[in-house]
């Protein structure tokens, strides 16, 4: 009998045993995945709308001619430098979130707190950079419902300028980046709440930092969406 039990245990631990069933996922984590999937459809719809307008128009503002400033330092001549810095900050905040989740798996409370605070700081830095970029663009004449008076400088040399395409670009840019910024702000608020709970020992008492992992899924999603926003608006 003992030999039979031993053989069954060995079978369960072999590489062919199949591992953990995907249907054993914790309910809260599964609901987070469902939410992220629905949110992905929303962002996809907005970006597809942008792409449809972008490639159906014969003229379109050149991103490297619009985003060539570092607000407060350089007005012109530094294309995509500032948005590159914003992207780096957001990616690094995703790294710190990974480290927070990993520390949670080890039940290392102090490390979780440290990495969560670093993630929160990264989120605030990104939002601050976005506010500076929006302020600069507004000063240049780009805003919802308004466009710069001098359009020629935002188009390639020799290309015809278009009020309609510039208007569409401005409206979609502020709508989509604003929607993403709202997600980042929401993530920062949630991260602050989770960090307070970590400090209070809530998850230590539960014996699991699974809540940190759930919030991490949301934060990584926000970072991934920014990669697509960056590609559509700043590179294409």
Foldseek 3Di string as FASTA:
>chain_A
DVVVVVVVVVCCPDPPNPPDDPVPDDPLLVVLVVVLVVVVVVLVVLLVVLVVLVVVDPFAFAQQLLQAAQQPPGDHDRGPPLVVVLLVLLVVLLVLLVQLQVCQVVVNLVSNLVSLVSSLVSLVVSLVSVVSSVVSSVVQFQAQPTHHPDQVSRGDPPDDGDPVNRNVLSNSLCVSVVVLNVLSVVLSVVSVVLSVCSVVCVQVVVVGPVVSVSSSVSSVSSSVSVVVSCCSRNPD
